[in-house]
C-alpha cells in the first residue's frame, strides 16, 4: 500500500497571541498624498511579526480614526463573531456599519501609512494630527478635535472614581 497525499505535522509548542499596548500621544503631519509617519515609539510597541499591516476605520463613538495592528483587528473580528448571528437582520446592519470604510494599510520602508482620503475627509483631518495610543489601538485625531475633548482634572478625577469604584479584582495573581 502507498502513502496517501495527506501529511500531518505536529508542532511541540503553543502559539500565543501577543497583544500590543500602545501608550503615548504624538503630533504628526499628514502630507498631500495622505501619508503619515507612524511614531517610532508605536513601531517599537508592535509585536515583531505584525509590524507592517494595519486596519483603519472611523471610530464608532468619536470623530476620529482608529488604527489596529492586523493582529488586534483579527482579535476584534473574533469578538464580533462570538456575538453575531448572520441570520439576524439587526446583526447584519451592525456588521455593515462596523466594516464600512475600513481599509488595510501597509507600513512602507519609511514607516509611513497611507491613510485613505475618504476617511481623512470624514473626520475632518487636513494636516496636523494627534496619534494617541489607547491600549490595543491607536486613535488618529485632527489636532483641533483632540484638544477640544480634553477634560479638566476634576472632571477626569470624577470619571475615574465612577468607573473604577467598586470591588477591585487583581487579575495579575
N, C-alpha and C. Protein backbone atom coordinates (compact mmCIF):
# COMPACT_ATOMS: atom_id res chain seq x y z
N UNK A 1 0.83 -1.19 0.00
CA UNK A 1 0.00 0.00 0.00
C UNK A 1 0.87 1.24 0.00
N UNK A 2 0.47 2.26 -0.76
CA UNK A 2 1.21 3.51 -0.81
C UNK A 2 0.71 4.49 0.24
N UNK A 3 1.45 5.55 0.39
CA UNK A 3 1.06 6.61 1.32
C UNK A 3 0.03 7.51 0.66
N UNK A 4 -0.91 8.01 1.46
CA UNK A 4 -1.87 8.97 0.92
C UNK A 4 -1.17 10.32 0.77
N UNK A 5 -1.80 11.25 0.10
CA UNK A 5 -1.21 12.56 -0.13
C UNK A 5 -1.38 13.52 1.04
N UNK A 6 -1.87 13.04 2.18
CA UNK A 6 -2.09 13.92 3.32
C UNK A 6 -1.01 13.68 4.36
N UNK A 7 -0.39 14.74 4.79
CA UNK A 7 0.63 14.65 5.82
C UNK A 7 0.25 15.58 6.96
N UNK A 8 0.51 15.15 8.16
CA UNK A 8 0.23 15.96 9.33
C UNK A 8 1.54 16.30 10.02
N UNK A 9 1.69 17.53 10.39
CA UNK A 9 2.87 17.97 11.12
C UNK A 9 2.41 18.41 12.49
N UNK A 10 2.98 17.85 13.51
CA UNK A 10 2.64 18.21 14.87
C UNK A 10 3.77 19.05 15.44
N UNK A 11 3.44 20.23 15.88
CA UNK A 11 4.45 21.13 16.43
C UNK A 11 4.41 21.05 17.95
N UNK A 12 5.56 20.97 18.59
CA UNK A 12 5.61 20.78 20.04
C UNK A 12 5.50 22.07 20.84
N UNK A 13 4.96 23.13 20.26
CA UNK A 13 4.85 24.37 21.01
C UNK A 13 3.47 24.97 20.79
N UNK A 14 3.13 25.86 21.67
CA UNK A 14 1.85 26.55 21.60
C UNK A 14 2.08 27.95 21.06
N UNK A 15 1.29 28.36 20.10
CA UNK A 15 1.38 29.71 19.57
C UNK A 15 0.52 30.61 20.44
N UNK A 16 1.15 31.62 21.01
CA UNK A 16 0.43 32.55 21.86
C UNK A 16 0.21 33.86 21.14
N UNK A 17 -0.94 34.45 21.41
CA UNK A 17 -1.23 35.74 20.82
C UNK A 17 -0.67 36.83 21.73
N UNK A 18 0.20 37.66 21.19
CA UNK A 18 0.78 38.75 21.94
C UNK A 18 0.09 40.03 21.49
N UNK A 19 -0.54 40.72 22.41
CA UNK A 19 -1.28 41.92 22.08
C UNK A 19 -0.39 43.15 22.27
N UNK A 20 -0.64 44.15 21.45
CA UNK A 20 0.07 45.41 21.58
C UNK A 20 -0.63 46.27 22.62
N UNK A 21 0.13 47.05 23.33
CA UNK A 21 -0.41 48.05 24.24
C UNK A 21 0.25 49.37 23.88
N UNK A 22 -0.48 50.22 23.17
CA UNK A 22 0.07 51.47 22.70
C UNK A 22 -0.11 52.55 23.77
N UNK A 23 0.96 53.25 24.07
CA UNK A 23 0.89 54.34 25.03
C UNK A 23 1.56 55.57 24.43
N UNK A 24 1.06 56.72 24.82
CA UNK A 24 1.62 57.99 24.37
C UNK A 24 0.75 58.65 23.33
N UNK A 25 0.92 59.96 23.18
CA UNK A 25 0.26 60.68 22.10
C UNK A 25 1.29 61.57 21.42
N UNK A 26 1.21 61.61 20.09
CA UNK A 26 2.23 62.24 19.29
C UNK A 26 1.60 63.12 18.22
N UNK A 27 2.17 64.29 18.03
CA UNK A 27 1.74 65.19 16.97
C UNK A 27 2.43 64.77 15.69
N UNK A 28 1.65 64.59 14.63
CA UNK A 28 2.18 64.15 13.34
C UNK A 28 1.59 65.02 12.24
N UNK A 29 2.17 64.93 11.07
CA UNK A 29 1.68 65.68 9.91
C UNK A 29 1.30 64.70 8.81
N UNK A 30 0.17 64.98 8.18
CA UNK A 30 -0.28 64.22 7.02
C UNK A 30 0.17 64.98 5.79
N UNK A 31 0.85 64.30 4.86
CA UNK A 31 1.30 65.01 3.67
C UNK A 31 0.18 65.09 2.64
N UNK A 32 0.44 65.71 1.51
CA UNK A 32 -0.59 65.95 0.50
C UNK A 32 -1.16 64.66 -0.10
N UNK A 33 -0.43 63.57 0.01
CA UNK A 33 -0.91 62.29 -0.51
C UNK A 33 -1.67 61.48 0.54
N UNK A 34 -1.70 61.97 1.78
CA UNK A 34 -2.39 61.25 2.84
C UNK A 34 -1.48 60.35 3.66
N UNK A 35 -0.18 60.50 3.49
CA UNK A 35 0.77 59.67 4.23
C UNK A 35 1.09 60.31 5.58
N UNK A 36 1.23 59.47 6.60
CA UNK A 36 1.60 59.94 7.93
C UNK A 36 2.67 58.99 8.47
N UNK A 37 3.66 59.56 9.13
CA UNK A 37 4.73 58.78 9.72
C UNK A 37 4.24 58.17 11.03
N UNK A 38 4.32 56.85 11.17
CA UNK A 38 3.96 56.20 12.42
C UNK A 38 5.08 56.48 13.42
N UNK A 39 4.76 57.09 14.56
CA UNK A 39 5.81 57.41 15.53
C UNK A 39 6.64 56.17 15.90
N UNK A 40 7.94 56.37 16.01
CA UNK A 40 8.84 55.25 16.29
C UNK A 40 8.48 54.55 17.60
N UNK A 41 7.94 55.28 18.57
CA UNK A 41 7.54 54.65 19.83
C UNK A 41 6.46 53.60 19.58
N UNK A 42 5.52 53.88 18.67
CA UNK A 42 4.48 52.90 18.34
C UNK A 42 5.06 51.72 17.58
N UNK A 43 6.00 51.98 16.68
CA UNK A 43 6.64 50.89 15.94
C UNK A 43 7.31 49.93 16.92
N UNK A 44 7.98 50.49 17.94
CA UNK A 44 8.67 49.66 18.94
C UNK A 44 7.69 48.87 19.80
N UNK A 45 6.46 49.37 19.94
CA UNK A 45 5.47 48.71 20.79
C UNK A 45 4.72 47.60 20.06
N UNK A 46 4.96 47.44 18.77
CA UNK A 46 4.30 46.39 17.99
C UNK A 46 5.00 45.05 18.15
N UNK A 47 4.23 43.96 18.19
CA UNK A 47 4.87 42.64 18.14
C UNK A 47 5.63 42.50 16.82
N UNK A 48 6.77 41.88 16.85
CA UNK A 48 7.66 41.80 15.69
C UNK A 48 6.97 41.24 14.44
N UNK A 49 6.11 40.27 14.60
CA UNK A 49 5.54 39.62 13.42
C UNK A 49 4.37 40.38 12.80
N UNK A 50 3.93 41.47 13.39
CA UNK A 50 2.81 42.23 12.82
C UNK A 50 3.17 43.69 12.62
N UNK A 51 4.40 43.99 12.37
CA UNK A 51 4.83 45.38 12.32
C UNK A 51 4.47 46.12 11.04
N UNK A 52 3.97 45.47 10.03
CA UNK A 52 3.76 46.21 8.80
C UNK A 52 2.33 46.26 8.30
N UNK A 53 1.39 45.55 8.93
CA UNK A 53 -0.01 45.50 8.46
C UNK A 53 -0.95 46.06 9.51
N UNK A 54 -1.87 46.91 9.03
CA UNK A 54 -2.82 47.57 9.91
C UNK A 54 -4.19 47.64 9.25
N UNK A 55 -5.19 47.91 10.05
CA UNK A 55 -6.53 48.22 9.54
C UNK A 55 -6.94 49.53 10.18
N UNK A 56 -7.53 50.41 9.36
CA UNK A 56 -8.01 51.70 9.85
C UNK A 56 -9.49 51.82 9.53
N UNK A 57 -10.22 52.46 10.43
CA UNK A 57 -11.64 52.71 10.23
C UNK A 57 -12.04 53.92 11.04
N UNK A 58 -13.21 54.43 10.78
CA UNK A 58 -13.74 55.52 11.59
C UNK A 58 -14.20 54.91 12.91
N UNK A 59 -13.95 55.65 13.99
CA UNK A 59 -14.37 55.20 15.31
C UNK A 59 -15.90 55.18 15.39
N UNK A 60 -16.43 54.29 16.21
CA UNK A 60 -17.88 54.18 16.39
C UNK A 60 -18.44 55.38 17.16
N UNK A 61 -17.73 55.83 18.18
CA UNK A 61 -18.26 56.84 19.09
C UNK A 61 -17.73 58.25 18.86
N UNK A 62 -16.52 58.39 18.36
CA UNK A 62 -15.87 59.70 18.27
C UNK A 62 -15.55 60.06 16.83
N UNK A 63 -15.26 61.32 16.60
CA UNK A 63 -14.91 61.82 15.28
C UNK A 63 -13.40 61.68 15.06
N UNK A 64 -12.95 60.43 15.02
CA UNK A 64 -11.53 60.15 14.79
C UNK A 64 -11.43 58.82 14.05
N UNK A 65 -10.23 58.51 13.62
CA UNK A 65 -9.95 57.22 13.01
C UNK A 65 -9.33 56.31 14.06
N UNK A 66 -9.50 55.01 13.87
CA UNK A 66 -8.92 54.03 14.77
C UNK A 66 -8.02 53.12 13.93
N UNK A 67 -6.79 52.96 14.40
CA UNK A 67 -5.80 52.14 13.72
C UNK A 67 -5.52 50.91 14.57
N UNK A 68 -5.70 49.73 13.96
CA UNK A 68 -5.45 48.46 14.65
C UNK A 68 -4.29 47.75 13.96
N UNK A 69 -3.42 47.12 14.73
CA UNK A 69 -2.46 46.20 14.11
C UNK A 69 -3.30 45.06 13.53
N UNK A 70 -2.79 44.36 12.55
CA UNK A 70 -3.57 43.29 11.94
C UNK A 70 -3.92 42.22 12.97
N UNK A 71 -3.03 42.01 13.92
CA UNK A 71 -3.27 41.02 14.97
C UNK A 71 -4.44 41.46 15.85
N UNK A 72 -4.48 42.72 16.23
CA UNK A 72 -5.59 43.23 17.05
C UNK A 72 -6.88 43.24 16.24
N UNK A 73 -6.82 43.54 14.95
CA UNK A 73 -8.01 43.52 14.10
C UNK A 73 -8.60 42.11 14.07
N UNK A 74 -7.75 41.11 13.95
CA UNK A 74 -8.23 39.72 13.96
C UNK A 74 -8.87 39.39 15.30
N UNK A 75 -8.32 39.92 16.39
CA UNK A 75 -8.90 39.72 17.71
C UNK A 75 -10.28 40.38 17.78
N UNK A 76 -10.41 41.60 17.27
CA UNK A 76 -11.70 42.30 17.25
C UNK A 76 -12.73 41.51 16.44
N UNK A 77 -12.30 40.95 15.31
CA UNK A 77 -13.21 40.14 14.49
C UNK A 77 -13.67 38.89 15.23
N UNK A 78 -12.77 38.30 15.98
CA UNK A 78 -13.13 37.12 16.77
C UNK A 78 -14.19 37.48 17.82
N UNK A 79 -14.03 38.64 18.47
CA UNK A 79 -15.02 39.09 19.44
C UNK A 79 -16.37 39.31 18.78
N UNK A 80 -16.35 39.95 17.61
CA UNK A 80 -17.60 40.22 16.89
C UNK A 80 -18.27 38.92 16.48
N UNK A 81 -17.51 38.00 15.93
CA UNK A 81 -18.09 36.71 15.50
C UNK A 81 -18.72 35.95 16.66
N UNK A 82 -18.18 36.13 17.87
CA UNK A 82 -18.73 35.42 19.02
C UNK A 82 -20.10 35.97 19.44
N UNK A 83 -20.43 37.17 18.98
CA UNK A 83 -21.69 37.82 19.36
C UNK A 83 -22.72 37.89 18.24
N UNK A 84 -22.32 37.61 17.02
CA UNK A 84 -23.16 37.86 15.85
C UNK A 84 -23.81 36.59 15.31
N UNK A 85 -25.08 36.73 14.98
CA UNK A 85 -25.80 35.69 14.25
C UNK A 85 -26.07 36.27 12.86
N UNK A 86 -25.42 35.75 11.82
CA UNK A 86 -25.57 36.34 10.49
C UNK A 86 -26.97 36.20 9.90
N UNK A 87 -27.84 35.47 10.59
CA UNK A 87 -29.21 35.30 10.11
C UNK A 87 -30.19 36.22 10.82
N UNK A 88 -29.66 37.21 11.52
CA UNK A 88 -30.50 38.24 12.14
C UNK A 88 -30.24 39.55 11.42
N UNK A 89 -31.31 40.19 11.00
CA UNK A 89 -31.22 41.43 10.23
C UNK A 89 -30.47 42.52 11.01
N UNK A 90 -30.77 42.65 12.29
CA UNK A 90 -30.12 43.66 13.13
C UNK A 90 -28.61 43.43 13.21
N UNK A 91 -28.21 42.18 13.28
CA UNK A 91 -26.78 41.86 13.34
C UNK A 91 -26.08 42.21 12.03
N UNK A 92 -26.76 41.95 10.91
CA UNK A 92 -26.18 42.31 9.62
C UNK A 92 -26.05 43.82 9.46
N UNK A 93 -27.01 44.55 9.99
CA UNK A 93 -26.92 46.01 9.96
C UNK A 93 -25.70 46.48 10.76
N UNK A 94 -25.48 45.89 11.92
CA UNK A 94 -24.30 46.22 12.72
C UNK A 94 -23.02 45.92 11.93
N UNK A 95 -22.94 44.72 11.35
CA UNK A 95 -21.74 44.34 10.60
C UNK A 95 -21.47 45.31 9.45
N UNK A 96 -22.52 45.64 8.71
CA UNK A 96 -22.38 46.53 7.57
C UNK A 96 -21.81 47.88 8.01
N UNK A 97 -22.33 48.40 9.10
CA UNK A 97 -21.86 49.70 9.58
C UNK A 97 -20.49 49.61 10.23
N UNK A 98 -20.21 48.53 10.92
CA UNK A 98 -18.91 48.37 11.57
C UNK A 98 -17.79 48.32 10.52
N UNK A 99 -18.00 47.57 9.45
CA UNK A 99 -16.96 47.40 8.44
C UNK A 99 -16.94 48.49 7.38
N UNK A 100 -17.92 49.36 7.38
CA UNK A 100 -17.99 50.43 6.39
C UNK A 100 -16.73 51.30 6.48
N UNK A 101 -16.11 51.50 5.34
CA UNK A 101 -14.96 52.41 5.28
C UNK A 101 -13.66 51.84 5.78
N UNK A 102 -13.62 50.57 6.18
CA UNK A 102 -12.36 50.01 6.66
C UNK A 102 -11.37 49.86 5.51
N UNK A 103 -10.11 49.94 5.83
CA UNK A 103 -9.06 49.77 4.82
C UNK A 103 -7.85 49.11 5.47
N UNK A 104 -7.24 48.20 4.73
CA UNK A 104 -5.98 47.61 5.20
C UNK A 104 -4.84 48.50 4.72
N UNK A 105 -3.91 48.76 5.62
CA UNK A 105 -2.77 49.62 5.32
C UNK A 105 -1.47 48.85 5.51
N UNK A 106 -0.49 49.21 4.73
CA UNK A 106 0.84 48.62 4.87
C UNK A 106 1.82 49.73 5.24
N UNK A 107 2.67 49.45 6.18
CA UNK A 107 3.72 50.38 6.58
C UNK A 107 4.82 50.31 5.53
N UNK A 108 5.19 51.46 4.96
CA UNK A 108 6.23 51.44 3.94
C UNK A 108 7.62 51.43 4.59
N UNK A 109 8.65 51.43 3.77
CA UNK A 109 10.03 51.34 4.29
C UNK A 109 10.44 52.55 5.12
N UNK A 110 9.69 53.64 5.01
CA UNK A 110 9.97 54.85 5.79
C UNK A 110 9.06 54.96 7.00
N UNK A 111 8.38 53.87 7.36
CA UNK A 111 7.43 53.83 8.49
C UNK A 111 6.25 54.79 8.31
N UNK A 112 5.79 54.93 7.05
CA UNK A 112 4.63 55.77 6.76
C UNK A 112 3.44 54.90 6.43
N UNK A 113 2.25 55.42 6.77
CA UNK A 113 0.98 54.79 6.42
C UNK A 113 0.25 55.72 5.47
N UNK A 114 -0.36 55.17 4.44
CA UNK A 114 -1.15 55.94 3.51
C UNK A 114 -2.61 55.85 3.95
N UNK A 115 -3.10 56.93 4.56
CA UNK A 115 -4.47 56.96 5.05
C UNK A 115 -5.42 57.31 3.90
N UNK A 116 -6.53 56.58 3.75
CA UNK A 116 -7.47 56.87 2.66
C UNK A 116 -8.05 58.28 2.78
N UNK A 117 -8.04 59.00 1.66
CA UNK A 117 -8.56 60.38 1.64
C UNK A 117 -10.00 60.44 2.13
N UNK A 118 -10.82 59.46 1.75
CA UNK A 118 -12.24 59.49 2.14
C UNK A 118 -12.39 59.45 3.66
N UNK A 119 -11.52 58.70 4.36
CA UNK A 119 -11.59 58.65 5.82
C UNK A 119 -11.07 59.95 6.44
N UNK A 120 -10.02 60.51 5.86
CA UNK A 120 -9.50 61.78 6.36
C UNK A 120 -10.56 62.87 6.25
N UNK A 121 -11.25 62.90 5.13
CA UNK A 121 -12.32 63.89 4.93
C UNK A 121 -13.47 63.66 5.91
N UNK A 122 -13.80 62.41 6.13
CA UNK A 122 -14.94 62.08 7.01
C UNK A 122 -14.75 62.60 8.43
N UNK A 123 -13.51 62.60 8.92
CA UNK A 123 -13.27 63.07 10.30
C UNK A 123 -12.63 64.46 10.34
N UNK A 124 -12.52 65.12 9.20
CA UNK A 124 -12.03 66.49 9.16
C UNK A 124 -10.54 66.65 9.40
N UNK A 125 -9.77 65.63 9.04
CA UNK A 125 -8.31 65.73 9.18
C UNK A 125 -7.74 66.36 7.92
N UNK A 126 -6.93 67.41 8.13
CA UNK A 126 -6.28 68.06 7.00
C UNK A 126 -4.77 67.83 7.04
N UNK A 127 -4.10 68.39 8.01
CA UNK A 127 -2.64 68.26 8.05
C UNK A 127 -2.10 67.81 9.40
N UNK A 128 -2.42 68.53 10.46
CA UNK A 128 -1.91 68.21 11.79
C UNK A 128 -2.81 67.21 12.49
N UNK A 129 -2.22 66.11 12.93
CA UNK A 129 -2.97 65.07 13.62
C UNK A 129 -2.29 64.71 14.93
N UNK A 130 -3.07 64.13 15.80
CA UNK A 130 -2.55 63.52 17.03
C UNK A 130 -2.80 62.04 16.90
N UNK A 131 -1.74 61.26 17.08
CA UNK A 131 -1.87 59.80 17.14
C UNK A 131 -1.76 59.45 18.62
N UNK A 132 -2.85 58.92 19.17
CA UNK A 132 -2.93 58.66 20.60
C UNK A 132 -3.10 57.17 20.87
N UNK A 133 -2.16 56.61 21.61
CA UNK A 133 -2.25 55.20 21.98
C UNK A 133 -3.38 54.99 22.98
N UNK A 134 -4.23 54.03 22.71
CA UNK A 134 -5.36 53.69 23.57
C UNK A 134 -5.37 52.19 23.79
N UNK A 135 -4.40 51.70 24.53
CA UNK A 135 -4.24 50.29 24.83
C UNK A 135 -3.98 49.50 23.55
N UNK A 136 -4.96 48.81 22.99
CA UNK A 136 -4.73 47.94 21.85
C UNK A 136 -4.96 48.61 20.50
N UNK A 137 -5.20 49.91 20.50
CA UNK A 137 -5.45 50.62 19.25
C UNK A 137 -4.79 52.00 19.32
N UNK A 138 -4.71 52.64 18.16
CA UNK A 138 -4.20 54.00 18.07
C UNK A 138 -5.31 54.85 17.47
N UNK A 139 -5.67 55.91 18.17
CA UNK A 139 -6.66 56.84 17.63
C UNK A 139 -5.92 57.92 16.85
N UNK A 140 -6.51 58.33 15.73
CA UNK A 140 -5.93 59.38 14.90
C UNK A 140 -6.95 60.52 14.84
N UNK A 141 -6.57 61.64 15.44
CA UNK A 141 -7.46 62.79 15.60
C UNK A 141 -6.93 63.99 14.83
N UNK A 142 -7.84 64.86 14.42
CA UNK A 142 -7.38 66.19 13.99
C UNK A 142 -6.89 66.86 15.27
N UNK A 143 -5.86 67.66 15.15
CA UNK A 143 -5.27 68.33 16.30
C UNK A 143 -6.34 69.13 17.06
N UNK A 144 -7.17 69.84 16.33
CA UNK A 144 -8.21 70.69 16.91
C UNK A 144 -9.22 69.84 17.72
N UNK A 145 -9.70 68.74 17.14
CA UNK A 145 -10.69 67.90 17.83
C UNK A 145 -10.10 67.23 19.07
N UNK A 146 -8.85 66.79 18.99
CA UNK A 146 -8.23 66.12 20.13
C UNK A 146 -8.10 67.06 21.32
N UNK A 147 -7.69 68.28 21.04
CA UNK A 147 -7.56 69.25 22.12
C UNK A 147 -8.91 69.66 22.69
N UNK A 148 -9.95 69.62 21.86
CA UNK A 148 -11.29 70.02 22.32
C UNK A 148 -11.91 68.98 23.26
N UNK A 149 -11.50 67.71 23.17
CA UNK A 149 -12.12 66.68 24.01
C UNK A 149 -11.45 66.52 25.37
N UNK A 150 -10.34 67.21 25.57
CA UNK A 150 -9.63 67.08 26.85
C UNK A 150 -10.52 67.56 27.99
N UNK A 151 -10.63 66.75 29.03
CA UNK A 151 -11.43 67.16 30.19
C UNK A 151 -10.50 67.74 31.25
N UNK A 152 -11.09 68.54 32.13
CA UNK A 152 -10.32 69.13 33.22
C UNK A 152 -9.94 68.07 34.24
N UNK A 153 -9.00 68.41 35.11
CA UNK A 153 -8.53 67.46 36.13
C UNK A 153 -9.65 66.98 37.03
N UNK A 154 -10.49 67.89 37.50
CA UNK A 154 -11.58 67.50 38.40
C UNK A 154 -12.59 66.61 37.69
N UNK A 155 -12.91 66.94 36.45
CA UNK A 155 -13.86 66.13 35.68
C UNK A 155 -13.30 64.72 35.47
N UNK A 156 -12.01 64.63 35.13
CA UNK A 156 -11.39 63.32 34.93
C UNK A 156 -11.34 62.53 36.23
N UNK A 157 -11.04 63.19 37.33
CA UNK A 157 -11.00 62.51 38.64
C UNK A 157 -12.37 61.95 38.99
N UNK A 158 -13.42 62.71 38.73
CA UNK A 158 -14.79 62.23 38.99
C UNK A 158 -15.11 61.02 38.11
N UNK A 159 -14.73 61.09 36.84
CA UNK A 159 -14.96 59.98 35.92
C UNK A 159 -14.22 58.73 36.37
N UNK A 160 -12.97 58.89 36.75
CA UNK A 160 -12.17 57.76 37.23
C UNK A 160 -12.81 57.13 38.45
N UNK A 161 -13.29 57.95 39.36
CA UNK A 161 -13.92 57.43 40.57
C UNK A 161 -15.19 56.65 40.23
N UNK A 162 -16.01 57.17 39.31
CA UNK A 162 -17.24 56.47 38.93
C UNK A 162 -16.95 55.13 38.24
N UNK A 163 -15.98 55.13 37.34
CA UNK A 163 -15.70 53.92 36.57
C UNK A 163 -14.93 52.90 37.40
N UNK A 164 -13.98 53.34 38.18
CA UNK A 164 -13.11 52.42 38.89
C UNK A 164 -13.59 52.09 40.30
N UNK A 165 -14.69 52.68 40.73
CA UNK A 165 -15.24 52.43 42.06
C UNK A 165 -15.82 51.01 42.11
N UNK A 166 -15.88 50.46 43.30
CA UNK A 166 -16.48 49.14 43.48
C UNK A 166 -15.42 48.11 43.80
N UNK A 167 -15.84 46.86 43.82
CA UNK A 167 -14.88 45.80 44.15
C UNK A 167 -13.75 45.75 43.12
N UNK A 168 -12.55 45.61 43.61
CA UNK A 168 -11.38 45.60 42.75
C UNK A 168 -10.82 44.20 42.70
N UNK A 169 -10.61 43.70 41.47
CA UNK A 169 -10.03 42.37 41.30
C UNK A 169 -8.65 42.52 40.69
N UNK A 170 -7.68 41.98 41.35
CA UNK A 170 -6.33 41.98 40.82
C UNK A 170 -6.17 40.78 39.92
N UNK A 171 -6.16 41.01 38.62
CA UNK A 171 -6.09 39.92 37.63
C UNK A 171 -4.69 39.40 37.41
N UNK A 172 -3.72 39.95 38.09
CA UNK A 172 -2.34 39.51 37.88
C UNK A 172 -1.91 38.40 38.82
N UNK A 173 -2.78 37.94 39.65
CA UNK A 173 -2.41 36.87 40.59
C UNK A 173 -2.50 35.51 39.94
